[in-house]
Structure formats: structure tokens, C-alpha cells
């Protein structure tokens, strides 16, 4: 009987372990200040969470989905038990790279 119970517990642990997936690493900076010079806005973003940390993490996810890597946090509030975060997402190039021209006047 003990062997059967141990096998059931081991089987349950194996099944729950297989269902987990690794989290995607998000390279989105979240700041209260404006982005550095040369960044392009990709849109406004808003997200919710069970707490403020989760709302901010979800906001970074939304910015990443839009191609942003910088979020200016404009609002963070708790309403009705949920936390809400809002801001503007920007795409900023890495140091040492040039911003692509959008004027069409390249030579």
C-alpha cells in the first residue's frame, strides 16, 4: 500500500513539473522619467495585476509586445483590489548605434 501511494505522489509531481514553462526574459526598462534622446514612441500601454509589482511587470510585457524597450511610467494605482499601471512605450537603440532615418533624404 505504501509503495502504491509513493508511486501516485511521484506521478503527480512529474505531471505538474512537466506543465511549467520558463518565463521569457524581458529587456524593458521601466522608469518615471522621459526616455533618452533619440527614442521613438511606439504607443501607450496599460496593464493590471494583483499587486503593483505584477502590474508593472505586465506593463513591461505589453511594451515588449509592441517592440518597445523603455517605458515611462505615468500612473500606478490600486482600484477595486487590482493594481493598474499605465505609461508610454518607446523603442530606444542601444548605445553606439544610429537611429534609422525616416525623412527619406538619405544620400
PDB file of N, CA and C in Angstrom:
ATOM      1  N   UNK A   1       0.826  -1.195   0.000  1.00  0.00           N
ATOM      2  CA  UNK A   1       0.000   0.000   0.000  1.00  0.00           C
ATOM      3  C   UNK A   1       0.869   1.256   0.000  1.00  0.00           C
ATOM      4  N   UNK A   2       1.934   1.280   0.825  1.00  0.00           N
ATOM      5  CA  UNK A   2       2.815   2.440   0.880  1.00  0.00           C
ATOM      6  C   UNK A   2       3.478   2.668  -0.475  1.00  0.00           C
ATOM      7  N   UNK A   3       3.857   1.590  -1.131  1.00  0.00           N
ATOM      8  CA  UNK A   3       4.514   1.690  -2.433  1.00  0.00           C
ATOM      9  C   UNK A   3       3.560   2.328  -3.448  1.00  0.00           C
ATOM     10  N   UNK A   4       2.298   1.927  -3.406  1.00  0.00           N
ATOM     11  CA  UNK A   4       1.310   2.466  -4.331  1.00  0.00           C
ATOM     12  C   UNK A   4       1.118   3.971  -4.099  1.00  0.00           C
ATOM     13  N   UNK A   5       1.048   4.401  -2.836  1.00  0.00           N
ATOM     14  CA  UNK A   5       0.879   5.810  -2.500  1.00  0.00           C
ATOM     15  C   UNK A   5       2.101   6.601  -2.971  1.00  0.00           C
ATOM     16  N   UNK A   6       3.299   6.077  -2.749  1.00  0.00           N
ATOM     17  CA  UNK A   6       4.515   6.751  -3.195  1.00  0.00           C
ATOM     18  C   UNK A   6       4.543   6.898  -4.710  1.00  0.00           C
ATOM     19  N   UNK A   7       4.091   5.873  -5.415  1.00  0.00           N
ATOM     20  CA  UNK A   7       4.059   5.946  -6.877  1.00  0.00           C
ATOM     21  C   UNK A   7       3.070   7.002  -7.344  1.00  0.00           C
ATOM     22  N   UNK A   8       1.936   7.111  -6.667  1.00  0.00           N
ATOM     23  CA  UNK A   8       0.937   8.115  -7.030  1.00  0.00           C
ATOM     24  C   UNK A   8       1.478   9.531  -6.794  1.00  0.00           C
ATOM     25  N   UNK A   9       2.139   9.731  -5.666  1.00  0.00           N
ATOM     26  CA  UNK A   9       2.703  11.049  -5.356  1.00  0.00           C
ATOM     27  C   UNK A   9       3.799  11.398  -6.364  1.00  0.00           C
ATOM     28  N   UNK A  10       4.667  10.444  -6.663  1.00  0.00           N
ATOM     29  CA  UNK A  10       5.742  10.678  -7.632  1.00  0.00           C
ATOM     30  C   UNK A  10       5.160  11.002  -9.007  1.00  0.00           C
ATOM     31  N   UNK A  11       4.128  10.295  -9.408  1.00  0.00           N
ATOM     32  CA  UNK A  11       3.479  10.549 -10.695  1.00  0.00           C
ATOM     33  C   UNK A  11       2.858  11.937 -10.745  1.00  0.00           C
ATOM     34  N   UNK A  12       2.227  12.344  -9.659  1.00  0.00           N
ATOM     35  CA  UNK A  12       1.614  13.679  -9.607  1.00  0.00           C
ATOM     36  C   UNK A  12       2.680  14.765  -9.698  1.00  0.00           C
ATOM     37  N   UNK A  13       3.801  14.566  -9.027  1.00  0.00           N
ATOM     38  CA  UNK A  13       4.882  15.545  -9.082  1.00  0.00           C
ATOM     39  C   UNK A  13       5.466  15.642 -10.485  1.00  0.00           C
ATOM     40  N   UNK A  14       5.587  14.524 -11.164  1.00  0.00           N
ATOM     41  CA  UNK A  14       6.128  14.529 -12.515  1.00  0.00           C
ATOM     42  C   UNK A  14       5.204  15.262 -13.472  1.00  0.00           C
ATOM     43  N   UNK A  15       3.907  15.062 -13.340  1.00  0.00           N
ATOM     44  CA  UNK A  15       2.935  15.705 -14.225  1.00  0.00           C
ATOM     45  C   UNK A  15       2.943  17.214 -14.016  1.00  0.00           C
ATOM     46  N   UNK A  16       2.956  17.661 -12.765  1.00  0.00           N
ATOM     47  CA  UNK A  16       2.945  19.102 -12.522  1.00  0.00           C
ATOM     48  C   UNK A  16       4.255  19.743 -12.935  1.00  0.00           C
ATOM     49  N   UNK A  17       5.355  19.048 -12.832  1.00  0.00           N
ATOM     50  CA  UNK A  17       6.643  19.581 -13.257  1.00  0.00           C
ATOM     51  C   UNK A  17       6.729  19.750 -14.757  1.00  0.00           C
ATOM     52  N   UNK A  18       6.084  18.917 -15.527  1.00  0.00           N
ATOM     53  CA  UNK A  18       6.134  18.990 -16.989  1.00  0.00           C
ATOM     54  C   UNK A  18       5.318  20.155 -17.533  1.00  0.00           C
ATOM     55  N   UNK A  19       4.353  20.613 -16.763  1.00  0.00           N
ATOM     56  CA  UNK A  19       3.473  21.665 -17.252  1.00  0.00           C
ATOM     57  C   UNK A  19       4.057  23.057 -17.154  1.00  0.00           C
ATOM     58  N   UNK A  20       5.151  23.220 -16.434  1.00  0.00           N
ATOM     59  CA  UNK A  20       5.701  24.559 -16.275  1.00  0.00           C
ATOM     60  C   UNK A  20       6.568  24.934 -17.463  1.00  0.00           C
ATOM     61  N   UNK A  21       6.529  26.216 -17.811  1.00  0.00           N
ATOM     62  CA  UNK A  21       7.350  26.714 -18.910  1.00  0.00           C
ATOM     63  C   UNK A  21       8.221  27.843 -18.383  1.00  0.00           C
ATOM     64  N   UNK A  22       9.433  27.968 -18.868  1.00  0.00           N
ATOM     65  CA  UNK A  22      10.292  29.047 -18.387  1.00  0.00           C
ATOM     66  C   UNK A  22       9.757  30.404 -18.819  1.00  0.00           C
ATOM     67  N   UNK A  23       9.919  31.403 -17.939  1.00  0.00           N
ATOM     68  CA  UNK A  23       9.454  32.742 -18.272  1.00  0.00           C
ATOM     69  C   UNK A  23      10.380  33.394 -19.291  1.00  0.00           C
ATOM     70  N   UNK A  24       9.792  34.171 -20.173  1.00  0.00           N
ATOM     71  CA  UNK A  24      10.568  34.904 -21.168  1.00  0.00           C
ATOM     72  C   UNK A  24      11.273  36.061 -20.485  1.00  0.00           C
ATOM     73  N   UNK A  25      12.552  36.216 -20.766  1.00  0.00           N
ATOM     74  CA  UNK A  25      13.296  37.344 -20.208  1.00  0.00           C
ATOM     75  C   UNK A  25      12.896  38.605 -20.959  1.00  0.00           C
ATOM     76  N   UNK A  26      12.521  39.617 -20.212  1.00  0.00           N
ATOM     77  CA  UNK A  26      12.051  40.862 -20.806  1.00  0.00           C
ATOM     78  C   UNK A  26      13.101  41.940 -20.559  1.00  0.00           C
ATOM     79  N   UNK A  27      13.577  42.541 -21.634  1.00  0.00           N
ATOM     80  CA  UNK A  27      14.566  43.613 -21.535  1.00  0.00           C
ATOM     81  C   UNK A  27      13.895  44.954 -21.776  1.00  0.00           C
ATOM     82  N   UNK A  28      13.008  45.324 -20.868  1.00  0.00           N
ATOM     83  CA  UNK A  28      12.303  46.605 -20.958  1.00  0.00           C
ATOM     84  C   UNK A  28      12.553  47.368 -19.670  1.00  0.00           C
ATOM     85  N   UNK A  29      13.117  48.538 -19.811  1.00  0.00           N
ATOM     86  CA  UNK A  29      13.420  49.392 -18.670  1.00  0.00           C
ATOM     87  C   UNK A  29      12.169  50.178 -18.307  1.00  0.00           C
ATOM     88  N   UNK A  30      11.823  50.213 -17.034  1.00  0.00           N
ATOM     89  CA  UNK A  30      10.645  50.932 -16.543  1.00  0.00           C
ATOM     90  C   UNK A  30      11.124  52.072 -15.647  1.00  0.00           C
ATOM     91  N   UNK A  31      10.840  53.314 -16.074  1.00  0.00           N
ATOM     92  CA  UNK A  31      11.309  54.498 -15.349  1.00  0.00           C
ATOM     93  C   UNK A  31      10.183  55.521 -15.240  1.00  0.00           C
ATOM     94  N   UNK A  32      10.318  56.435 -14.302  1.00  0.00           N
ATOM     95  CA  UNK A  32       9.352  57.526 -14.155  1.00  0.00           C
ATOM     96  C   UNK A  32       9.724  58.726 -15.022  1.00  0.00           C
ATOM     97  N   UNK A  33      10.928  58.727 -15.557  1.00  0.00           N
ATOM     98  CA  UNK A  33      11.403  59.870 -16.339  1.00  0.00           C
ATOM     99  C   UNK A  33      11.255  59.621 -17.839  1.00  0.00           C
ATOM    100  N   UNK A  34      11.389  60.695 -18.606  1.00  0.00           N
ATOM    101  CA  UNK A  34      11.348  60.589 -20.067  1.00  0.00           C
ATOM    102  C   UNK A  34      12.517  59.734 -20.552  1.00  0.00           C
ATOM    103  N   UNK A  35      12.360  59.119 -21.708  1.00  0.00           N
ATOM    104  CA  UNK A  35      13.442  58.289 -22.244  1.00  0.00           C
ATOM    105  C   UNK A  35      14.606  59.147 -22.734  1.00  0.00           C
ATOM    106  N   UNK A  36      15.757  58.515 -22.981  1.00  0.00           N
ATOM    107  CA  UNK A  36      16.896  59.264 -23.529  1.00  0.00           C
ATOM    108  C   UNK A  36      16.559  59.850 -24.899  1.00  0.00           C
ATOM    109  N   UNK A  37      17.327  60.830 -25.322  1.00  0.00           N
ATOM    110  CA  UNK A  37      17.154  61.451 -26.643  1.00  0.00           C
ATOM    111  C   UNK A  37      17.282  60.387 -27.730  1.00  0.00           C
ATOM    112  N   UNK A  38      16.484  60.530 -28.783  1.00  0.00           N
ATOM    113  CA  UNK A  38      16.565  59.636 -29.926  1.00  0.00           C
ATOM    114  C   UNK A  38      15.648  58.430 -29.856  1.00  0.00           C
ATOM    115  N   UNK A  39      14.923  58.254 -28.780  1.00  0.00           N
ATOM    116  CA  UNK A  39      13.988  57.122 -28.674  1.00  0.00           C
ATOM    117  C   UNK A  39      12.697  57.460 -29.425  1.00  0.00           C
ATOM    118  N   UNK A  40      12.074  56.451 -29.995  1.00  0.00           N
ATOM    119  CA  UNK A  40      10.812  56.643 -30.713  1.00  0.00           C
ATOM    120  C   UNK A  40       9.668  56.019 -29.926  1.00  0.00           C
ATOM    121  N   UNK A  41       8.585  56.757 -29.781  1.00  0.00           N
ATOM    122  CA  UNK A  41       7.417  56.239 -29.078  1.00  0.00           C
ATOM    123  C   UNK A  41       6.730  55.190 -29.950  1.00  0.00           C
ATOM    124  N   UNK A  42       6.382  54.049 -29.320  1.00  0.00           N
ATOM    125  CA  UNK A  42       5.668  53.001 -30.047  1.00  0.00           C
ATOM    126  C   UNK A  42       4.216  52.897 -29.608  1.00  0.00           C
ATOM    127  N   UNK A  43       3.844  53.646 -28.557  1.00  0.00           N
ATOM    128  CA  UNK A  43       2.435  53.682 -28.162  1.00  0.00           C
ATOM    129  C   UNK A  43       2.233  53.723 -26.661  1.00  0.00           C
ATOM    130  N   UNK A  44       1.004  54.010 -26.281  1.00  0.00           N
ATOM    131  CA  UNK A  44       0.623  53.993 -24.874  1.00  0.00           C
ATOM    132  C   UNK A  44       0.346  52.556 -24.459  1.00  0.00           C
ATOM    133  N   UNK A  45       0.664  52.229 -23.214  1.00  0.00           N
ATOM    134  CA  UNK A  45       0.429  50.880 -22.697  1.00  0.00           C
ATOM    135  C   UNK A  45      -0.238  50.972 -21.331  1.00  0.00           C
ATOM    136  N   UNK A  46      -1.074  49.976 -21.042  1.00  0.00           N
ATOM    137  CA  UNK A  46      -1.757  49.893 -19.759  1.00  0.00           C
ATOM    138  C   UNK A  46      -1.849  48.430 -19.376  1.00  0.00           C
ATOM    139  N   UNK A  47      -1.694  48.132 -18.082  1.00  0.00           N
ATOM    140  CA  UNK A  47      -1.751  46.742 -17.625  1.00  0.00           C
ATOM    141  C   UNK A  47      -2.288  46.686 -16.201  1.00  0.00           C
ATOM    142  N   UNK A  48      -2.800  45.513 -15.840  1.00  0.00           N
ATOM    143  CA  UNK A  48      -3.325  45.282 -14.498  1.00  0.00           C
ATOM    144  C   UNK A  48      -2.573  44.125 -13.853  1.00  0.00           C
ATOM    145  N   UNK A  49      -2.706  44.028 -12.542  1.00  0.00           N
ATOM    146  CA  UNK A  49      -2.117  42.918 -11.801  1.00  0.00           C
ATOM    147  C   UNK A  49      -2.733  42.821 -10.430  1.00  0.00           C
ATOM    148  N   UNK A  50      -2.422  41.731  -9.741  1.00  0.00           N
ATOM    149  CA  UNK A  50      -2.939  41.540  -8.385  1.00  0.00           C
ATOM    150  C   UNK A  50      -2.296  42.505  -7.394  1.00  0.00           C
ATOM    151  N   UNK A  51      -1.071  42.949  -7.696  1.00  0.00           N
ATOM    152  CA  UNK A  51      -0.381  43.929  -6.873  1.00  0.00           C
ATOM    153  C   UNK A  51       0.419  44.860  -7.789  1.00  0.00           C
ATOM    154  N   UNK A  52       1.063  45.847  -7.203  1.00  0.00           N
ATOM    155  CA  UNK A  52       1.775  46.840  -8.030  1.00  0.00           C
ATOM    156  C   UNK A  52       2.943  46.226  -8.797  1.00  0.00           C
ATOM    157  N   UNK A  53       3.646  45.295  -8.184  1.00  0.00           N
ATOM    158  CA  UNK A  53       4.768  44.660  -8.878  1.00  0.00           C
ATOM    159  C   UNK A  53       4.304  43.883 -10.104  1.00  0.00           C
ATOM    160  N   UNK A  54       3.202  43.161  -9.967  1.00  0.00           N
ATOM    161  CA  UNK A  54       2.663  42.403 -11.099  1.00  0.00           C
ATOM    162  C   UNK A  54       2.154  43.342 -12.191  1.00  0.00           C
ATOM    163  N   UNK A  55       1.534  44.451 -11.808  1.00  0.00           N
ATOM    164  CA  UNK A  55       1.047  45.417 -12.794  1.00  0.00           C
ATOM    165  C   UNK A  55       2.217  46.012 -13.574  1.00  0.00           C
ATOM    166  N   UNK A  56       3.314  46.337 -12.878  1.00  0.00           N
ATOM    167  CA  UNK A  56       4.484  46.885 -13.561  1.00  0.00           C
ATOM    168  C   UNK A  56       5.120  45.848 -14.483  1.00  0.00           C
ATOM    169  N   UNK A  57       5.188  44.594 -14.033  1.00  0.00           N
ATOM    170  CA  UNK A  57       5.739  43.526 -14.879  1.00  0.00           C
ATOM    171  C   UNK A  57       4.872  43.331 -16.125  1.00  0.00           C
ATOM    172  N   UNK A  58       3.559  43.350 -15.961  1.00  0.00           N
ATOM    173  CA  UNK A  58       2.650  43.212 -17.105  1.00  0.00           C
ATOM    174  C   UNK A  58       2.766  44.408 -18.052  1.00  0.00           C
ATOM    175  N   UNK A  59       3.037  45.588 -17.504  1.00  0.00           N
ATOM    176  CA  UNK A  59       3.234  46.776 -18.333  1.00  0.00           C
ATOM    177  C   UNK A  59       4.493  46.605 -19.193  1.00  0.00           C
ATOM    178  N   UNK A  60       5.553  46.069 -18.607  1.00  0.00           N
ATOM    179  CA  UNK A  60       6.777  45.801 -19.357  1.00  0.00           C
ATOM    180  C   UNK A  60       6.519  44.770 -20.458  1.00  0.00           C
ATOM    181  N   UNK A  61       5.697  43.766 -20.169  1.00  0.00           N
ATOM    182  CA  UNK A  61       5.337  42.763 -21.183  1.00  0.00           C
ATOM    183  C   UNK A  61       4.609  43.404 -22.357  1.00  0.00           C
ATOM    184  N   UNK A  62       3.658  44.295 -22.057  1.00  0.00           N
ATOM    185  CA  UNK A  62       2.901  44.980 -23.119  1.00  0.00           C
ATOM    186  C   UNK A  62       3.827  45.818 -23.991  1.00  0.00           C
ATOM    187  N   UNK A  63       4.766  46.517 -23.365  1.00  0.00           N
ATOM    188  CA  UNK A  63       5.719  47.325 -24.127  1.00  0.00           C
ATOM    189  C   UNK A  63       6.582  46.433 -25.015  1.00  0.00           C
ATOM    190  N   UNK A  64       7.018  45.299 -24.489  1.00  0.00           N
ATOM    191  CA  UNK A  64       7.827  44.357 -25.263  1.00  0.00           C
ATOM    192  C   UNK A  64       7.049  43.838 -26.470  1.00  0.00           C
ATOM    193  N   UNK A  65       5.764  43.557 -26.297  1.00  0.00           N
ATOM    194  CA  UNK A  65       4.917  43.084 -27.403  1.00  0.00           C
ATOM    195  C   UNK A  65       4.814  44.120 -28.519  1.00  0.00           C
ATOM    196  N   UNK A  66       4.913  45.393 -28.171  1.00  0.00           N
ATOM    197  CA  UNK A  66       4.831  46.475 -29.171  1.00  0.00           C
ATOM    198  C   UNK A  66       6.192  46.845 -29.737  1.00  0.00           C
ATOM    199  N   UNK A  67       7.236  46.153 -29.301  1.00  0.00           N
ATOM    200  CA  UNK A  67       8.569  46.425 -29.807  1.00  0.00           C
ATOM    201  C   UNK A  67       9.329  47.463 -29.010  1.00  0.00           C
ATOM    202  N   UNK A  68       8.824  47.812 -27.838  1.00  0.00           N
ATOM    203  CA  UNK A  68       9.490  48.805 -27.005  1.00  0.00           C
ATOM    204  C   UNK A  68      10.505  48.173 -26.063  1.00  0.00           C
ATOM    205  N   UNK A  69      11.442  49.000 -25.613  1.00  0.00           N
ATOM    206  CA  UNK A  69      12.402  48.529 -24.617  1.00  0.00           C
ATOM    207  C   UNK A  69      12.574  49.547 -23.485  1.00  0.00           C
ATOM    208  N   UNK A  70      11.696  50.549 -23.448  1.00  0.00           N
ATOM    209  CA  UNK A  70      11.706  51.564 -22.399  1.00  0.00           C
ATOM    210  C   UNK A  70      10.258  51.977 -22.154  1.00  0.00           C
ATOM    211  N   UNK A  71       9.850  52.041 -20.893  1.00  0.00           N
ATOM    212  CA  UNK A  71       8.510  52.517 -20.548  1.00  0.00           C
ATOM    213  C   UNK A  71       8.640  53.663 -19.564  1.00  0.00           C
ATOM    214  N   UNK A  72       7.995  54.779 -19.919  1.00  0.00           N
ATOM    215  CA  UNK A  72       7.864  55.891 -18.977  1.00  0.00           C
ATOM    216  C   UNK A  72       6.582  55.633 -18.192  1.00  0.00           C
ATOM    217  N   UNK A  73       6.728  55.350 -16.902  1.00  0.00           N
ATOM    218  CA  UNK A  73       5.587  55.056 -16.046  1.00  0.00           C
ATOM    219  C   UNK A  73       4.858  56.347 -15.722  1.00  0.00           C
ATOM    220  N   UNK A  74       3.615  56.472 -16.184  1.00  0.00           N
ATOM    221  CA  UNK A  74       2.830  57.681 -15.976  1.00  0.00           C
ATOM    222  C   UNK A  74       1.858  57.565 -14.810  1.00  0.00           C
ATOM    223  N   UNK A  75       1.366  56.347 -14.533  1.00  0.00           N
ATOM    224  CA  UNK A  75       0.394  56.163 -13.455  1.00  0.00           C
ATOM    225  C   UNK A  75       0.497  54.753 -12.886  1.00  0.00           C
ATOM    226  N   UNK A  76       0.345  54.666 -11.565  1.00  0.00           N
ATOM    227  CA  UNK A  76       0.319  53.388 -10.862  1.00  0.00           C
ATOM    228  C   UNK A  76      -0.655  53.543  -9.711  1.00  0.00           C
ATOM    229  N   UNK A  77      -1.736  52.759  -9.720  1.00  0.00           N
ATOM    230  CA  UNK A  77      -2.808  52.957  -8.756  1.00  0.00           C
ATOM    231  C   UNK A  77      -3.433  51.606  -8.409  1.00  0.00           C
ATOM    232  N   UNK A  78      -4.069  51.551  -7.244  1.00  0.00           N
ATOM    233  CA  UNK A  78      -4.839  50.373  -6.858  1.00  0.00           C
ATOM    234  C   UNK A  78      -6.305  50.769  -6.868  1.00  0.00           C
ATOM    235  N   UNK A  79      -7.100  50.004  -7.620  1.00  0.00           N
ATOM    236  CA  UNK A  79      -8.523  50.300  -7.750  1.00  0.00           C
ATOM    237  C   UNK A  79      -9.310  49.006  -7.652  1.00  0.00           C
ATOM    238  N   UNK A  80     -10.178  48.911  -6.670  1.00  0.00           N
ATOM    239  CA  UNK A  80     -11.013  47.729  -6.527  1.00  0.00           C
ATOM    240  C   UNK A  80     -10.228  46.461  -6.241  1.00  0.00           C
ATOM    241  N   UNK A  81      -9.082  46.578  -5.598  1.00  0.00           N
ATOM    242  CA  UNK A  81      -8.280  45.409  -5.270  1.00  0.00           C
ATOM    243  C   UNK A  81      -7.247  45.046  -6.311  1.00  0.00           C
ATOM    244  N   UNK A  82      -7.340  45.611  -7.509  1.00  0.00           N
ATOM    245  CA  UNK A  82      -6.357  45.361  -8.560  1.00  0.00           C
ATOM    246  C   UNK A  82      -5.455  46.571  -8.720  1.00  0.00           C
ATOM    247  N   UNK A  83      -4.214  46.309  -9.088  1.00  0.00           N
ATOM    248  CA  UNK A  83      -3.286  47.397  -9.381  1.00  0.00           C
ATOM    249  C   UNK A  83      -3.318  47.676 -10.875  1.00  0.00           C
ATOM    250  N   UNK A  84      -3.245  48.943 -11.243  1.00  0.00           N
ATOM    251  CA  UNK A  84      -3.270  49.360 -12.639  1.00  0.00           C
ATOM    252  C   UNK A  84      -2.051  50.233 -12.897  1.00  0.00           C
ATOM    253  N   UNK A  85      -1.329  49.913 -13.963  1.00  0.00           N
ATOM    254  CA  UNK A  85      -0.163  50.694 -14.361  1.00  0.00           C
ATOM    255  C   UNK A  85      -0.374  51.186 -15.784  1.00  0.00           C
ATOM    256  N   UNK A  86       0.051  52.421 -16.050  1.00  0.00           N
ATOM    257  CA  UNK A  86      -0.086  52.989 -17.391  1.00  0.00           C
ATOM    258  C   UNK A  86       1.155  53.813 -17.701  1.00  0.00           C
ATOM    259  N   UNK A  87       1.489  53.848 -18.989  1.00  0.00           N
ATOM    260  CA  UNK A  87       2.642  54.630 -19.397  1.00  0.00           C
ATOM    261  C   UNK A  87       2.771  54.683 -20.901  1.00  0.00           C
ATOM    262  N   UNK A  88       3.909  55.171 -21.345  1.00  0.00           N
ATOM    263  CA  UNK A  88       4.219  55.269 -22.769  1.00  0.00           C
ATOM    264  C   UNK A  88       5.420  54.384 -23.066  1.00  0.00           C
ATOM    265  N   UNK A  89       5.298  53.577 -24.118  1.00  0.00           N
ATOM    266  CA  UNK A  89       6.371  52.667 -24.517  1.00  0.00           C
ATOM    267  C   UNK A  89       7.202  53.305 -25.625  1.00  0.00           C
ATOM    268  N   UNK A  90       8.514  53.130 -25.536  1.00  0.00           N
ATOM    269  CA  UNK A  90       9.455  53.684 -26.503  1.00  0.00           C
ATOM    270  C   UNK A  90      10.412  52.601 -26.980  1.00  0.00           C
ATOM    271  N   UNK A  91      10.904  52.782 -28.189  1.00  0.00           N
ATOM    272  CA  UNK A  91      11.972  51.932 -28.716  1.00  0.00           C
ATOM    273  C   UNK A  91      13.232  52.785 -28.734  1.00  0.00           C
ATOM    274  N   UNK A  92      14.207  52.373 -27.934  1.00  0.00           N
ATOM    275  CA  UNK A  92      15.480  53.092 -27.851  1.00  0.00           C
ATOM    276  C   UNK A  92      16.570  52.171 -28.373  1.00  0.00           C
ATOM    277  N   UNK A  93      17.441  52.732 -29.193  1.00  0.00           N
ATOM    278  CA  UNK A  93      18.547  51.945 -29.720  1.00  0.00           C
ATOM    279  C   UNK A  93      19.621  51.811 -28.656  1.00  0.00           C
ATOM    280  N   UNK A  94      20.411  50.765 -28.788  1.00  0.00           N
ATOM    281  CA  UNK A  94      21.497  50.527 -27.855  1.00  0.00           C
ATOM    282  C   UNK A  94      22.581  51.585 -28.048  1.00  0.00           C
ATOM    283  N   UNK A  95      23.359  51.884 -27.025  1.00  0.00           N
ATOM    284  CA  UNK A  95      24.433  52.872 -27.165  1.00  0.00           C
ATOM    285  C   UNK A  95      25.384  52.499 -28.304  1.00  0.00           C
ATOM    286  N   UNK A  96      25.788  53.518 -29.059  1.00  0.00           N
ATOM    287  CA  UNK A  96      26.731  53.288 -30.145  1.00  0.00           C
ATOM    288  C   UNK A  96      26.083  52.965 -31.482  1.00  0.00           C
ATOM    289  N   UNK A  97      24.746  52.923 -31.560  1.00  0.00           N
ATOM    290  CA  UNK A  97      24.068  52.657 -32.824  1.00  0.00           C
ATOM    291  C   UNK A  97      23.351  53.911 -33.278  1.00  0.00           C
ATOM    292  N   UNK A  98      23.077  53.981 -34.554  1.00  0.00           N
ATOM    293  CA  UNK A  98      22.417  55.165 -35.111  1.00  0.00           C
ATOM    294  C   UNK A  98      20.936  54.884 -35.310  1.00  0.00           C
ATOM    295  N   UNK A  99      20.121  55.886 -35.076  1.00  0.00           N
ATOM    296  CA  UNK A  99      18.683  55.787 -35.293  1.00  0.00           C
ATOM    297  C   UNK A  99      18.430  55.801 -36.792  1.00  0.00           C
ATOM    298  N   UNK A 100      17.616  54.860 -37.306  1.00  0.00           N
ATOM    299  CA  UNK A 100      17.342  54.877 -38.758  1.00  0.00           C
ATOM    300  C   UNK A 100      16.616  56.143 -39.169  1.00  0.00           C
ATOM    301  N   UNK A 101      16.946  56.634 -40.331  1.00  0.00           N
ATOM    302  CA  UNK A 101      16.340  57.854 -40.841  1.00  0.00           C
ATOM    303  C   UNK A 101      14.942  57.569 -41.361  1.00  0.00           C
ATOM    304  N   UNK A 102      14.006  58.465 -41.044  1.00  0.00           N
ATOM    305  CA  UNK A 102      12.630  58.326 -41.532  1.00  0.00           C
ATOM    306  C   UNK A 102      12.273  59.469 -42.473  1.00  0.00           C
ATOM    307  N   UNK A 103      13.262  60.334 -42.777  1.00  0.00           N
ATOM    308  CA  UNK A 103      12.956  61.520 -43.596  1.00  0.00           C
ATOM    309  C   UNK A 103      12.992  61.226 -45.088  1.00  0.00           C
ATOM    310  N   UNK A 104      13.660  60.149 -45.488  1.00  0.00           N
ATOM    311  CA  UNK A 104      13.729  59.817 -46.911  1.00  0.00           C
ATOM    312  C   UNK A 104      14.752  60.630 -47.650  1.00  0.00           C
ATOM    313  N   UNK A 105      15.577  61.418 -46.940  1.00  0.00           N
ATOM    314  CA  UNK A 105      16.564  62.264 -47.600  1.00  0.00           C
ATOM    315  C   UNK A 105      17.973  61.711 -47.470  1.00  0.00           C
ATOM    316  N   UNK A 106      18.091  60.369 -47.517  1.00  0.00           N
ATOM    317  CA  UNK A 106      19.395  59.744 -47.403  1.00  0.00           C
ATOM    318  C   UNK A 106      20.163  59.892 -48.718  1.00  0.00           C
ATOM    319  N   UNK A 107      21.478  60.001 -48.613  1.00  0.00           N
ATOM    320  CA  UNK A 107      22.311  60.158 -49.813  1.00  0.00           C
ATOM    321  C   UNK A 107      23.084  58.917 -50.092  1.00  0.00           C
TER     322      UNK A 107
END
